[in-house]
């Protein structure tokens, strides 16, 4: 009987000691939190270190200690505590809020920690993937585009179903402004590639911007972007491709074949430009080319004009008519 009473007393003492230790530990953690809230970093660090010595598995204490170091500018020690908090939370199947405090390189560096945890708890993969995705949304809202892009990519690699959610995010942003549809082209390709309706809508919006843009390199670049979403036939329907157009058409009557009888038919830089085609048709006429007069019958064609000064000249028998035409490769 006495032995039983002693045993019960010993158990009571041990239980009281455990409860007291836990209460003291919780009290120290609460005190550490209060120091963090008051921005008293030295006091917080001292208190939280004691909590961790007493219980190295306290993820909350590791996180708060990392945050305190972070506020003091000690990124090395902060990252150590954040990594510890993440690892401990992962073991418990929890998403760690320490992720929110880490830079992108730091998050990428912890990938193996995630992978190891997923082996033990496959269901947790979706949980952590969602948290990384949400962090990406925060970075995107803060206009930290490259960081957001990395986070979305990482989250989708953990849970491919998030690609549909990523498609929603970038589609909404692309649809909101003209700049958006151009900024998020590659992301829309990555995440919305299987959604033909959305791809077509994005392509039509880019095509609309292209049709209103001035002719030149910018418009051509937009057409190339639109080609990622739409067939060439649709683009050509809205913006016809460049083609040869007649930009000058004149008929002349010959004055004779003497040197003083020549007729200026097209002024260089005004009527005809570099790259144009010059075509003369008539029964018989002379055209000044390569430093001398040369005789042609029916047709003369000079393609891809390189450049010239003054005016191009021709002559024909008096009363003999000939037609001059200048063609240019024109963008619609």
C-alpha atoms as a PDB file:
ATOM      1  CA  UNK A   1       0.000   0.000   0.000  1.00  0.00           C
ATOM      2  CA  UNK A   2       2.804   2.387   0.971  1.00  0.00           C
ATOM      3  CA  UNK A   3       4.658   1.459  -2.225  1.00  0.00           C
ATOM      4  CA  UNK A   4       1.551   2.278  -4.281  1.00  0.00           C
ATOM      5  CA  UNK A   5       1.150   5.676  -2.548  1.00  0.00           C
ATOM      6  CA  UNK A   6       4.809   6.516  -3.233  1.00  0.00           C
ATOM      7  CA  UNK A   7       4.415   5.575  -6.884  1.00  0.00           C
ATOM      8  CA  UNK A   8       1.314   7.765  -7.241  1.00  0.00           C
ATOM      9  CA  UNK A   9       3.068  10.674  -5.574  1.00  0.00           C
ATOM     10  CA  UNK A  10       6.041  10.284  -7.907  1.00  0.00           C
ATOM     11  CA  UNK A  11       3.706  10.257 -10.936  1.00  0.00           C
ATOM     12  CA  UNK A  12       1.912  13.350  -9.664  1.00  0.00           C
ATOM     13  CA  UNK A  13       5.187  15.192  -9.199  1.00  0.00           C
ATOM     14  CA  UNK A  14       6.347  14.263 -12.715  1.00  0.00           C
ATOM     15  CA  UNK A  15       3.001  15.305 -14.207  1.00  0.00           C
ATOM     16  CA  UNK A  16       3.103  18.585 -12.323  1.00  0.00           C
ATOM     17  CA  UNK A  17       6.657  19.163 -13.554  1.00  0.00           C
ATOM     18  CA  UNK A  18       5.638  18.503 -17.165  1.00  0.00           C
ATOM     19  CA  UNK A  19       2.630  20.811 -16.953  1.00  0.00           C
ATOM     20  CA  UNK A  20       4.730  23.488 -15.264  1.00  0.00           C
ATOM     21  CA  UNK A  21       7.447  23.163 -17.919  1.00  0.00           C
ATOM     22  CA  UNK A  22       4.892  23.394 -20.746  1.00  0.00           C
ATOM     23  CA  UNK A  23       3.184  26.363 -19.127  1.00  0.00           C
ATOM     24  CA  UNK A  24       6.520  28.109 -18.636  1.00  0.00           C
ATOM     25  CA  UNK A  25       7.491  27.374 -22.231  1.00  0.00           C
ATOM     26  CA  UNK A  26       4.186  28.717 -23.555  1.00  0.00           C
ATOM     27  CA  UNK A  27       4.581  31.754 -21.357  1.00  0.00           C
ATOM     28  CA  UNK A  28       8.039  32.401 -22.792  1.00  0.00           C
ATOM     29  CA  UNK A  29       6.698  32.039 -26.340  1.00  0.00           C
ATOM     30  CA  UNK A  30       3.917  34.510 -25.568  1.00  0.00           C
ATOM     31  CA  UNK A  31       6.491  36.875 -24.107  1.00  0.00           C
ATOM     32  CA  UNK A  32       8.628  36.497 -27.227  1.00  0.00           C
ATOM     33  CA  UNK A  33       5.612  37.330 -29.392  1.00  0.00           C
ATOM     34  CA  UNK A  34       4.928  40.435 -27.327  1.00  0.00           C
ATOM     35  CA  UNK A  35       8.515  41.588 -27.864  1.00  0.00           C
ATOM     36  CA  UNK A  36       8.133  41.037 -31.611  1.00  0.00           C
ATOM     37  CA  UNK A  37       4.889  43.034 -31.628  1.00  0.00           C
ATOM     38  CA  UNK A  38       6.677  45.821 -29.732  1.00  0.00           C
ATOM     39  CA  UNK A  39       9.609  45.663 -32.199  1.00  0.00           C
ATOM     40  CA  UNK A  40      11.991  44.972 -29.320  1.00  0.00           C
ATOM     41  CA  UNK A  41      14.234  42.732 -31.389  1.00  0.00           C
ATOM     42  CA  UNK A  42      17.057  42.095 -28.886  1.00  0.00           C
ATOM     43  CA  UNK A  43      14.607  41.040 -26.180  1.00  0.00           C
ATOM     44  CA  UNK A  44      12.640  38.921 -28.657  1.00  0.00           C
ATOM     45  CA  UNK A  45      15.792  37.130 -29.845  1.00  0.00           C
ATOM     46  CA  UNK A  46      16.952  36.406 -26.322  1.00  0.00           C
ATOM     47  CA  UNK A  47      13.549  35.069 -25.219  1.00  0.00           C
ATOM     48  CA  UNK A  48      12.857  33.003 -28.334  1.00  0.00           C
ATOM     49  CA  UNK A  49      16.311  31.404 -28.252  1.00  0.00           C
ATOM     50  CA  UNK A  50      15.466  30.151 -24.762  1.00  0.00           C
ATOM     51  CA  UNK A  51      12.182  28.728 -26.009  1.00  0.00           C
ATOM     52  CA  UNK A  52      14.004  26.844 -28.773  1.00  0.00           C
ATOM     53  CA  UNK A  53      16.594  25.476 -26.325  1.00  0.00           C
ATOM     54  CA  UNK A  54      13.731  24.140 -24.230  1.00  0.00           C
ATOM     55  CA  UNK A  55      11.829  22.814 -27.262  1.00  0.00           C
ATOM     56  CA  UNK A  56      13.796  22.623 -30.553  1.00  0.00           C
ATOM     57  CA  UNK A  57      10.632  21.441 -32.356  1.00  0.00           C
ATOM     58  CA  UNK A  58       8.670  24.634 -31.747  1.00  0.00           C
ATOM     59  CA  UNK A  59       8.122  25.848 -35.328  1.00  0.00           C
ATOM     60  CA  UNK A  60       6.411  29.066 -34.195  1.00  0.00           C
ATOM     61  CA  UNK A  61       9.448  30.042 -32.124  1.00  0.00           C
ATOM     62  CA  UNK A  62      11.792  29.367 -35.056  1.00  0.00           C
ATOM     63  CA  UNK A  63       9.629  31.520 -37.314  1.00  0.00           C
ATOM     64  CA  UNK A  64       9.431  34.439 -34.848  1.00  0.00           C
ATOM     65  CA  UNK A  65      13.158  34.231 -34.184  1.00  0.00           C
ATOM     66  CA  UNK A  66      13.852  34.281 -37.925  1.00  0.00           C
ATOM     67  CA  UNK A  67      11.585  37.285 -38.306  1.00  0.00           C
ATOM     68  CA  UNK A  68      13.396  39.106 -35.487  1.00  0.00           C
ATOM     69  CA  UNK A  69      16.775  38.432 -37.092  1.00  0.00           C
ATOM     70  CA  UNK A  70      15.317  39.558 -40.419  1.00  0.00           C
ATOM     71  CA  UNK A  71      14.237  42.897 -38.923  1.00  0.00           C
ATOM     72  CA  UNK A  72      17.761  43.393 -37.573  1.00  0.00           C
ATOM     73  CA  UNK A  73      19.208  42.798 -41.041  1.00  0.00           C
ATOM     74  CA  UNK A  74      20.807  39.463 -40.191  1.00  0.00           C
ATOM     75  CA  UNK A  75      19.583  37.548 -43.254  1.00  0.00           C
ATOM     76  CA  UNK A  76      21.864  34.555 -42.664  1.00  0.00           C
ATOM     77  CA  UNK A  77      20.452  33.735 -39.223  1.00  0.00           C
ATOM     78  CA  UNK A  78      16.953  34.656 -40.388  1.00  0.00           C
ATOM     79  CA  UNK A  79      17.124  32.136 -43.221  1.00  0.00           C
ATOM     80  CA  UNK A  80      18.372  29.437 -40.823  1.00  0.00           C
ATOM     81  CA  UNK A  81      15.347  29.917 -38.574  1.00  0.00           C
ATOM     82  CA  UNK A  82      12.928  30.165 -41.510  1.00  0.00           C
ATOM     83  CA  UNK A  83      14.259  26.902 -42.944  1.00  0.00           C
ATOM     84  CA  UNK A  84      13.874  25.235 -39.533  1.00  0.00           C
ATOM     85  CA  UNK A  85      10.289  26.491 -39.246  1.00  0.00           C
ATOM     86  CA  UNK A  86       9.437  25.216 -42.724  1.00  0.00           C
ATOM     87  CA  UNK A  87      10.985  21.781 -42.069  1.00  0.00           C
ATOM     88  CA  UNK A  88       9.156  21.418 -38.733  1.00  0.00           C
ATOM     89  CA  UNK A  89       5.824  22.504 -40.200  1.00  0.00           C
ATOM     90  CA  UNK A  90       6.279  20.109 -43.110  1.00  0.00           C
ATOM     91  CA  UNK A  91       6.759  17.211 -40.699  1.00  0.00           C
ATOM     92  CA  UNK A  92       3.411  18.101 -39.147  1.00  0.00           C
ATOM     93  CA  UNK A  93       1.738  18.427 -42.517  1.00  0.00           C
ATOM     94  CA  UNK A  94       1.329  22.204 -42.210  1.00  0.00           C
ATOM     95  CA  UNK A  95       2.027  24.987 -44.684  1.00  0.00           C
ATOM     96  CA  UNK A  96       4.604  27.261 -43.115  1.00  0.00           C
ATOM     97  CA  UNK A  97       4.071  31.014 -43.005  1.00  0.00           C
ATOM     98  CA  UNK A  98       7.866  31.333 -43.026  1.00  0.00           C
ATOM     99  CA  UNK A  99       7.568  31.002 -46.812  1.00  0.00           C
ATOM    100  CA  UNK A 100       6.048  34.469 -46.934  1.00  0.00           C
ATOM    101  CA  UNK A 101       9.244  35.954 -45.496  1.00  0.00           C
ATOM    102  CA  UNK A 102      11.705  34.277 -47.830  1.00  0.00           C
ATOM    103  CA  UNK A 103      13.139  35.546 -51.091  1.00  0.00           C
ATOM    104  CA  UNK A 104      12.655  33.558 -54.286  1.00  0.00           C
ATOM    105  CA  UNK A 105      16.199  32.092 -54.276  1.00  0.00           C
ATOM    106  CA  UNK A 106      15.649  31.020 -50.657  1.00  0.00           C
ATOM    107  CA  UNK A 107      12.358  29.343 -51.504  1.00  0.00           C
ATOM    108  CA  UNK A 108      13.944  27.547 -54.445  1.00  0.00           C
ATOM    109  CA  UNK A 109      16.777  26.430 -52.179  1.00  0.00           C
ATOM    110  CA  UNK A 110      14.256  24.692 -49.877  1.00  0.00           C
ATOM    111  CA  UNK A 111      12.744  22.685 -52.730  1.00  0.00           C
ATOM    112  CA  UNK A 112      14.503  19.496 -51.629  1.00  0.00           C
ATOM    113  CA  UNK A 113      13.021  19.927 -48.144  1.00  0.00           C
ATOM    114  CA  UNK A 114       9.595  20.020 -49.768  1.00  0.00           C
ATOM    115  CA  UNK A 115      10.312  16.992 -51.931  1.00  0.00           C
ATOM    116  CA  UNK A 116      11.444  14.965 -48.905  1.00  0.00           C
ATOM    117  CA  UNK A 117       8.272  15.900 -47.029  1.00  0.00           C
ATOM    118  CA  UNK A 118       6.080  14.967 -49.996  1.00  0.00           C
ATOM    119  CA  UNK A 119       7.504  11.441 -49.977  1.00  0.00           C
ATOM    120  CA  UNK A 120       6.267  10.992 -46.401  1.00  0.00           C
ATOM    121  CA  UNK A 121       3.021  12.887 -46.933  1.00  0.00           C
ATOM    122  CA  UNK A 122       1.950  13.005 -50.627  1.00  0.00           C
ATOM    123  CA  UNK A 123      -1.317  14.794 -49.794  1.00  0.00           C
ATOM    124  CA  UNK A 124       0.621  17.746 -48.411  1.00  0.00           C
ATOM    125  CA  UNK A 125       1.986  18.568 -51.867  1.00  0.00           C
ATOM    126  CA  UNK A 126      -1.268  20.323 -52.853  1.00  0.00           C
ATOM    127  CA  UNK A 127      -1.234  22.311 -49.628  1.00  0.00           C
ATOM    128  CA  UNK A 128       2.262  23.704 -50.116  1.00  0.00           C
ATOM    129  CA  UNK A 129       1.665  24.199 -53.868  1.00  0.00           C
ATOM    130  CA  UNK A 130      -1.348  26.385 -53.066  1.00  0.00           C
ATOM    131  CA  UNK A 131       0.634  28.469 -50.595  1.00  0.00           C
ATOM    132  CA  UNK A 132       3.442  29.057 -53.100  1.00  0.00           C
ATOM    133  CA  UNK A 133       0.834  29.950 -55.738  1.00  0.00           C
ATOM    134  CA  UNK A 134      -0.793  32.490 -53.417  1.00  0.00           C
ATOM    135  CA  UNK A 135       2.618  33.987 -52.708  1.00  0.00           C
ATOM    136  CA  UNK A 136       3.033  34.327 -56.479  1.00  0.00           C
ATOM    137  CA  UNK A 137      -0.245  36.237 -56.655  1.00  0.00           C
ATOM    138  CA  UNK A 138       1.038  38.621 -53.970  1.00  0.00           C
ATOM    139  CA  UNK A 139       4.268  39.218 -55.902  1.00  0.00           C
ATOM    140  CA  UNK A 140       2.327  39.767 -59.117  1.00  0.00           C
ATOM    141  CA  UNK A 141       0.087  42.320 -57.408  1.00  0.00           C
ATOM    142  CA  UNK A 142       3.237  44.086 -56.185  1.00  0.00           C
ATOM    143  CA  UNK A 143       4.452  44.164 -59.821  1.00  0.00           C
ATOM    144  CA  UNK A 144       7.353  41.834 -59.046  1.00  0.00           C
ATOM    145  CA  UNK A 145       6.726  39.983 -62.281  1.00  0.00           C
ATOM    146  CA  UNK A 146       9.822  37.784 -62.525  1.00  0.00           C
ATOM    147  CA  UNK A 147       9.478  36.581 -58.941  1.00  0.00           C
ATOM    148  CA  UNK A 148       5.770  35.866 -59.458  1.00  0.00           C
ATOM    149  CA  UNK A 149       6.573  33.950 -62.633  1.00  0.00           C
ATOM    150  CA  UNK A 150       9.075  31.750 -60.753  1.00  0.00           C
ATOM    151  CA  UNK A 151       6.607  31.038 -57.944  1.00  0.00           C
ATOM    152  CA  UNK A 152       3.780  30.117 -60.318  1.00  0.00           C
ATOM    153  CA  UNK A 153       6.095  27.779 -62.184  1.00  0.00           C
ATOM    154  CA  UNK A 154       7.200  26.105 -58.942  1.00  0.00           C
ATOM    155  CA  UNK A 155       3.639  25.699 -57.657  1.00  0.00           C
ATOM    156  CA  UNK A 156       2.462  24.149 -60.942  1.00  0.00           C
ATOM    157  CA  UNK A 157       5.398  21.732 -60.851  1.00  0.00           C
ATOM    158  CA  UNK A 158       4.049  20.507 -57.480  1.00  0.00           C
ATOM    159  CA  UNK A 159       0.405  20.423 -58.588  1.00  0.00           C
ATOM    160  CA  UNK A 160      -0.295  20.540 -62.320  1.00  0.00           C
ATOM    161  CA  UNK A 161      -3.970  21.345 -61.699  1.00  0.00           C
ATOM    162  CA  UNK A 162      -2.855  24.830 -60.674  1.00  0.00           C
ATOM    163  CA  UNK A 163      -2.054  25.538 -64.329  1.00  0.00           C
ATOM    164  CA  UNK A 164      -5.794  26.192 -64.835  1.00  0.00           C
ATOM    165  CA  UNK A 165      -5.743  28.664 -61.970  1.00  0.00           C
ATOM    166  CA  UNK A 166      -2.641  30.314 -63.416  1.00  0.00           C
ATOM    167  CA  UNK A 167      -4.445  30.595 -66.738  1.00  0.00           C
ATOM    168  CA  UNK A 168      -7.283  32.444 -64.961  1.00  0.00           C
ATOM    169  CA  UNK A 169      -4.840  34.854 -63.293  1.00  0.00           C
ATOM    170  CA  UNK A 170      -2.974  35.789 -66.465  1.00  0.00           C
ATOM    171  CA  UNK A 171      -6.068  35.795 -68.666  1.00  0.00           C
ATOM    172  CA  UNK A 172      -7.785  38.332 -66.409  1.00  0.00           C
ATOM    173  CA  UNK A 173      -4.689  40.524 -66.398  1.00  0.00           C
ATOM    174  CA  UNK A 174      -4.243  40.194 -70.148  1.00  0.00           C
ATOM    175  CA  UNK A 175      -7.882  41.128 -70.740  1.00  0.00           C
ATOM    176  CA  UNK A 176      -7.765  44.211 -68.529  1.00  0.00           C
ATOM    177  CA  UNK A 177      -5.420  46.400 -70.608  1.00  0.00           C
ATOM    178  CA  UNK A 178      -3.640  46.485 -73.966  1.00  0.00           C
ATOM    179  CA  UNK A 179      -0.307  46.414 -72.140  1.00  0.00           C
ATOM    180  CA  UNK A 180      -1.417  43.341 -70.214  1.00  0.00           C
ATOM    181  CA  UNK A 181      -2.153  41.241 -73.267  1.00  0.00           C
ATOM    182  CA  UNK A 182       1.342  41.974 -74.580  1.00  0.00           C
ATOM    183  CA  UNK A 183       3.144  41.577 -71.241  1.00  0.00           C
ATOM    184  CA  UNK A 184       1.780  38.129 -70.437  1.00  0.00           C
ATOM    185  CA  UNK A 185       2.078  36.515 -73.873  1.00  0.00           C
ATOM    186  CA  UNK A 186       4.436  33.687 -72.862  1.00  0.00           C
ATOM    187  CA  UNK A 187       2.509  32.965 -69.640  1.00  0.00           C
ATOM    188  CA  UNK A 188      -0.756  32.729 -71.551  1.00  0.00           C
ATOM    189  CA  UNK A 189       0.934  30.275 -73.907  1.00  0.00           C
ATOM    190  CA  UNK A 190       2.231  28.194 -70.994  1.00  0.00           C
ATOM    191  CA  UNK A 191      -0.944  28.021 -68.925  1.00  0.00           C
ATOM    192  CA  UNK A 192      -3.827  28.573 -71.357  1.00  0.00           C
ATOM    193  CA  UNK A 193      -2.484  26.621 -74.334  1.00  0.00           C
ATOM    194  CA  UNK A 194      -5.233  24.002 -74.105  1.00  0.00           C
ATOM    195  CA  UNK A 195      -8.039  26.539 -73.814  1.00  0.00           C
ATOM    196  CA  UNK A 196      -8.726  27.318 -77.469  1.00  0.00           C
ATOM    197  CA  UNK A 197     -11.488  29.825 -76.737  1.00  0.00           C
ATOM    198  CA  UNK A 198      -9.287  31.959 -74.510  1.00  0.00           C
ATOM    199  CA  UNK A 199      -6.344  31.679 -76.866  1.00  0.00           C
ATOM    200  CA  UNK A 200      -8.495  32.941 -79.742  1.00  0.00           C
ATOM    201  CA  UNK A 201      -9.808  35.844 -77.639  1.00  0.00           C
ATOM    202  CA  UNK A 202      -6.276  36.866 -76.705  1.00  0.00           C
ATOM    203  CA  UNK A 203      -5.179  36.634 -80.325  1.00  0.00           C
ATOM    204  CA  UNK A 204      -8.074  38.806 -81.492  1.00  0.00           C
ATOM    205  CA  UNK A 205      -7.191  41.460 -78.925  1.00  0.00           C
ATOM    206  CA  UNK A 206      -3.555  41.537 -80.055  1.00  0.00           C
ATOM    207  CA  UNK A 207      -4.719  41.697 -83.667  1.00  0.00           C
ATOM    208  CA  UNK A 208      -6.964  44.646 -82.850  1.00  0.00           C
ATOM    209  CA  UNK A 209      -4.014  46.484 -81.298  1.00  0.00           C
ATOM    210  CA  UNK A 210      -1.888  45.658 -84.354  1.00  0.00           C
ATOM    211  CA  UNK A 211      -4.500  46.958 -86.790  1.00  0.00           C
ATOM    212  CA  UNK A 212      -4.558  50.322 -84.994  1.00  0.00           C
ATOM    213  CA  UNK A 213      -0.753  50.582 -84.764  1.00  0.00           C
ATOM    214  CA  UNK A 214       1.297  52.575 -87.287  1.00  0.00           C
ATOM    215  CA  UNK A 215       2.839  50.581 -90.113  1.00  0.00           C
ATOM    216  CA  UNK A 216       6.345  49.411 -89.318  1.00  0.00           C
ATOM    217  CA  UNK A 217       8.361  47.188 -86.987  1.00  0.00           C
ATOM    218  CA  UNK A 218       6.011  47.529 -84.010  1.00  0.00           C
ATOM    219  CA  UNK A 219       2.981  46.439 -86.004  1.00  0.00           C
ATOM    220  CA  UNK A 220       4.937  43.538 -87.499  1.00  0.00           C
ATOM    221  CA  UNK A 221       5.978  42.435 -84.004  1.00  0.00           C
ATOM    222  CA  UNK A 222       2.336  42.476 -82.892  1.00  0.00           C
ATOM    223  CA  UNK A 223       1.346  40.387 -85.878  1.00  0.00           C
ATOM    224  CA  UNK A 224       3.966  37.821 -84.888  1.00  0.00           C
ATOM    225  CA  UNK A 225       2.518  37.697 -81.367  1.00  0.00           C
ATOM    226  CA  UNK A 226      -0.988  37.278 -82.742  1.00  0.00           C
ATOM    227  CA  UNK A 227       0.285  34.390 -84.848  1.00  0.00           C
ATOM    228  CA  UNK A 228       0.868  32.450 -81.600  1.00  0.00           C
ATOM    229  CA  UNK A 229      -2.904  32.382 -81.088  1.00  0.00           C
ATOM    230  CA  UNK A 230      -4.485  32.706 -84.527  1.00  0.00           C
ATOM    231  CA  UNK A 231      -3.996  31.166 -87.994  1.00  0.00           C
ATOM    232  CA  UNK A 232      -2.212  33.230 -90.645  1.00  0.00           C
ATOM    233  CA  UNK A 233      -5.423  33.396 -92.699  1.00  0.00           C
ATOM    234  CA  UNK A 234      -7.200  35.306 -89.930  1.00  0.00           C
ATOM    235  CA  UNK A 235      -4.347  37.796 -89.554  1.00  0.00           C
ATOM    236  CA  UNK A 236      -4.209  38.411 -93.304  1.00  0.00           C
ATOM    237  CA  UNK A 237      -7.962  38.953 -93.284  1.00  0.00           C
ATOM    238  CA  UNK A 238      -7.667  41.841 -90.807  1.00  0.00           C
ATOM    239  CA  UNK A 239      -4.283  43.180 -91.945  1.00  0.00           C
ATOM    240  CA  UNK A 240      -3.641  42.244 -95.592  1.00  0.00           C
ATOM    241  CA  UNK A 241       0.002  41.328 -96.246  1.00  0.00           C
ATOM    242  CA  UNK A 242       2.258  43.729 -98.165  1.00  0.00           C
ATOM    243  CA  UNK A 243       1.932  43.585-101.963  1.00  0.00           C
ATOM    244  CA  UNK A 244       3.093  45.445-105.059  1.00  0.00           C
ATOM    245  CA  UNK A 245       0.928  48.494-105.760  1.00  0.00           C
ATOM    246  CA  UNK A 246       0.992  50.995-108.593  1.00  0.00           C
ATOM    247  CA  UNK A 247       1.941  54.331-107.028  1.00  0.00           C
ATOM    248  CA  UNK A 248       2.504  56.295-110.236  1.00  0.00           C
ATOM    249  CA  UNK A 249       0.984  55.887-113.703  1.00  0.00           C
ATOM    250  CA  UNK A 250       1.573  58.394-116.502  1.00  0.00           C
ATOM    251  CA  UNK A 251       1.321  58.507-120.299  1.00  0.00           C
ATOM    252  CA  UNK A 252       3.756  60.612-122.344  1.00  0.00           C
ATOM    253  CA  UNK A 253       3.964  61.644-126.003  1.00  0.00           C
ATOM    254  CA  UNK A 254       7.353  61.617-127.692  1.00  0.00           C
ATOM    255  CA  UNK A 255       9.007  64.860-128.849  1.00  0.00           C
ATOM    256  CA  UNK A 256      11.637  63.279-131.044  1.00  0.00           C
ATOM    257  CA  UNK A 257      14.929  61.368-130.650  1.00  0.00           C
ATOM    258  CA  UNK A 258      17.385  64.264-130.410  1.00  0.00           C
ATOM    259  CA  UNK A 259      19.270  64.756-127.140  1.00  0.00           C
ATOM    260  CA  UNK A 260      17.207  67.834-126.301  1.00  0.00           C
ATOM    261  CA  UNK A 261      13.936  65.927-126.841  1.00  0.00           C
ATOM    262  CA  UNK A 262      14.142  63.687-123.744  1.00  0.00           C
ATOM    263  CA  UNK A 263      11.302  63.806-121.209  1.00  0.00           C
ATOM    264  CA  UNK A 264      11.695  63.597-117.392  1.00  0.00           C
ATOM    265  CA  UNK A 265       9.340  60.729-116.547  1.00  0.00           C
ATOM    266  CA  UNK A 266       9.892  60.225-112.753  1.00  0.00           C
ATOM    267  CA  UNK A 267      11.769  62.287-110.159  1.00  0.00           C
ATOM    268  CA  UNK A 268      14.026  60.265-107.837  1.00  0.00           C
ATOM    269  CA  UNK A 269      12.999  60.566-104.188  1.00  0.00           C
ATOM    270  CA  UNK A 270       9.621  62.015-105.157  1.00  0.00           C
ATOM    271  CA  UNK A 271       7.970  59.814-107.769  1.00  0.00           C
ATOM    272  CA  UNK A 272      10.236  56.813-107.347  1.00  0.00           C
ATOM    273  CA  UNK A 273      12.110  55.473-104.295  1.00  0.00           C
ATOM    274  CA  UNK A 274      14.739  52.881-103.510  1.00  0.00           C
ATOM    275  CA  UNK A 275      13.278  49.383-103.974  1.00  0.00           C
ATOM    276  CA  UNK A 276      10.571  50.486-106.418  1.00  0.00           C
ATOM    277  CA  UNK A 277       9.979  48.981-109.861  1.00  0.00           C
ATOM    278  CA  UNK A 278       9.974  51.194-112.970  1.00  0.00           C
ATOM    279  CA  UNK A 279       8.083  49.874-115.982  1.00  0.00           C
ATOM    280  CA  UNK A 280       7.816  51.564-119.400  1.00  0.00           C
ATOM    281  CA  UNK A 281       5.587  50.187-122.152  1.00  0.00           C
ATOM    282  CA  UNK A 282       5.210  51.443-125.735  1.00  0.00           C
ATOM    283  CA  UNK A 283       5.841  50.625-129.380  1.00  0.00           C
ATOM    284  CA  UNK A 284       9.425  51.892-129.398  1.00  0.00           C
ATOM    285  CA  UNK A 285      11.268  54.281-127.040  1.00  0.00           C
ATOM    286  CA  UNK A 286      14.668  55.148-125.660  1.00  0.00           C
ATOM    287  CA  UNK A 287      15.567  55.041-121.945  1.00  0.00           C
ATOM    288  CA  UNK A 288      18.684  56.562-120.394  1.00  0.00           C
ATOM    289  CA  UNK A 289      20.399  53.814-118.426  1.00  0.00           C
ATOM    290  CA  UNK A 290      23.998  53.204-117.316  1.00  0.00           C
ATOM    291  CA  UNK A 291      25.206  56.459-118.798  1.00  0.00           C
ATOM    292  CA  UNK A 292      23.766  56.062-122.284  1.00  0.00           C
ATOM    293  CA  UNK A 293      20.540  55.934-124.262  1.00  0.00           C
ATOM    294  CA  UNK A 294      19.252  52.460-124.966  1.00  0.00           C
ATOM    295  CA  UNK A 295      16.410  51.536-127.320  1.00  0.00           C
ATOM    296  CA  UNK A 296      13.553  49.259-126.190  1.00  0.00           C
ATOM    297  CA  UNK A 297      10.503  47.822-127.878  1.00  0.00           C
ATOM    298  CA  UNK A 298       7.194  47.055-126.162  1.00  0.00           C
ATOM    299  CA  UNK A 299       8.473  46.936-122.575  1.00  0.00           C
ATOM    300  CA  UNK A 300      11.334  47.932-120.271  1.00  0.00           C
ATOM    301  CA  UNK A 301      11.397  46.981-116.590  1.00  0.00           C
ATOM    302  CA  UNK A 302      13.899  48.133-113.966  1.00  0.00           C
ATOM    303  CA  UNK A 303      13.408  46.256-110.672  1.00  0.00           C
ATOM    304  CA  UNK A 304      14.563  47.167-107.166  1.00  0.00           C
ATOM    305  CA  UNK A 305      15.761  50.680-107.873  1.00  0.00           C
ATOM    306  CA  UNK A 306      19.020  51.174-105.952  1.00  0.00           C
ATOM    307  CA  UNK A 307      19.081  54.937-106.027  1.00  0.00           C
ATOM    308  CA  UNK A 308      19.436  57.852-108.378  1.00  0.00           C
ATOM    309  CA  UNK A 309      19.699  61.613-108.480  1.00  0.00           C
ATOM    310  CA  UNK A 310      17.511  63.931-110.527  1.00  0.00           C
ATOM    311  CA  UNK A 311      14.944  62.402-112.867  1.00  0.00           C
ATOM    312  CA  UNK A 312      14.669  59.292-114.964  1.00  0.00           C
ATOM    313  CA  UNK A 313      14.375  60.191-118.671  1.00  0.00           C
ATOM    314  CA  UNK A 314      12.935  58.669-121.851  1.00  0.00           C
ATOM    315  CA  UNK A 315      12.276  59.766-125.406  1.00  0.00           C
ATOM    316  CA  UNK A 316      10.370  58.541-128.442  1.00  0.00           C
ATOM    317  CA  UNK A 317       9.540  59.519-132.018  1.00  0.00           C
ATOM    318  CA  UNK A 318       7.427  62.633-132.178  1.00  0.00           C
ATOM    319  CA  UNK A 319       3.786  61.766-131.456  1.00  0.00           C
ATOM    320  CA  UNK A 320       4.674  58.220-130.283  1.00  0.00           C
ATOM    321  CA  UNK A 321       3.008  57.515-126.942  1.00  0.00           C
ATOM    322  CA  UNK A 322       4.483  55.444-124.090  1.00  0.00           C
ATOM    323  CA  UNK A 323       3.286  54.624-120.604  1.00  0.00           C
ATOM    324  CA  UNK A 324       5.303  54.882-117.362  1.00  0.00           C
ATOM    325  CA  UNK A 325       4.390  52.931-114.239  1.00  0.00           C
ATOM    326  CA  UNK A 326       6.048  52.867-110.796  1.00  0.00           C
ATOM    327  CA  UNK A 327       5.258  49.936-108.483  1.00  0.00           C
ATOM    328  CA  UNK A 328       6.016  49.846-104.768  1.00  0.00           C
ATOM    329  CA  UNK A 329       5.876  47.061-102.147  1.00  0.00           C
ATOM    330  CA  UNK A 330       3.275  48.546 -99.825  1.00  0.00           C
ATOM    331  CA  UNK A 331       2.188  47.388 -96.372  1.00  0.00           C
ATOM    332  CA  UNK A 332      -1.581  47.529 -95.977  1.00  0.00           C
END
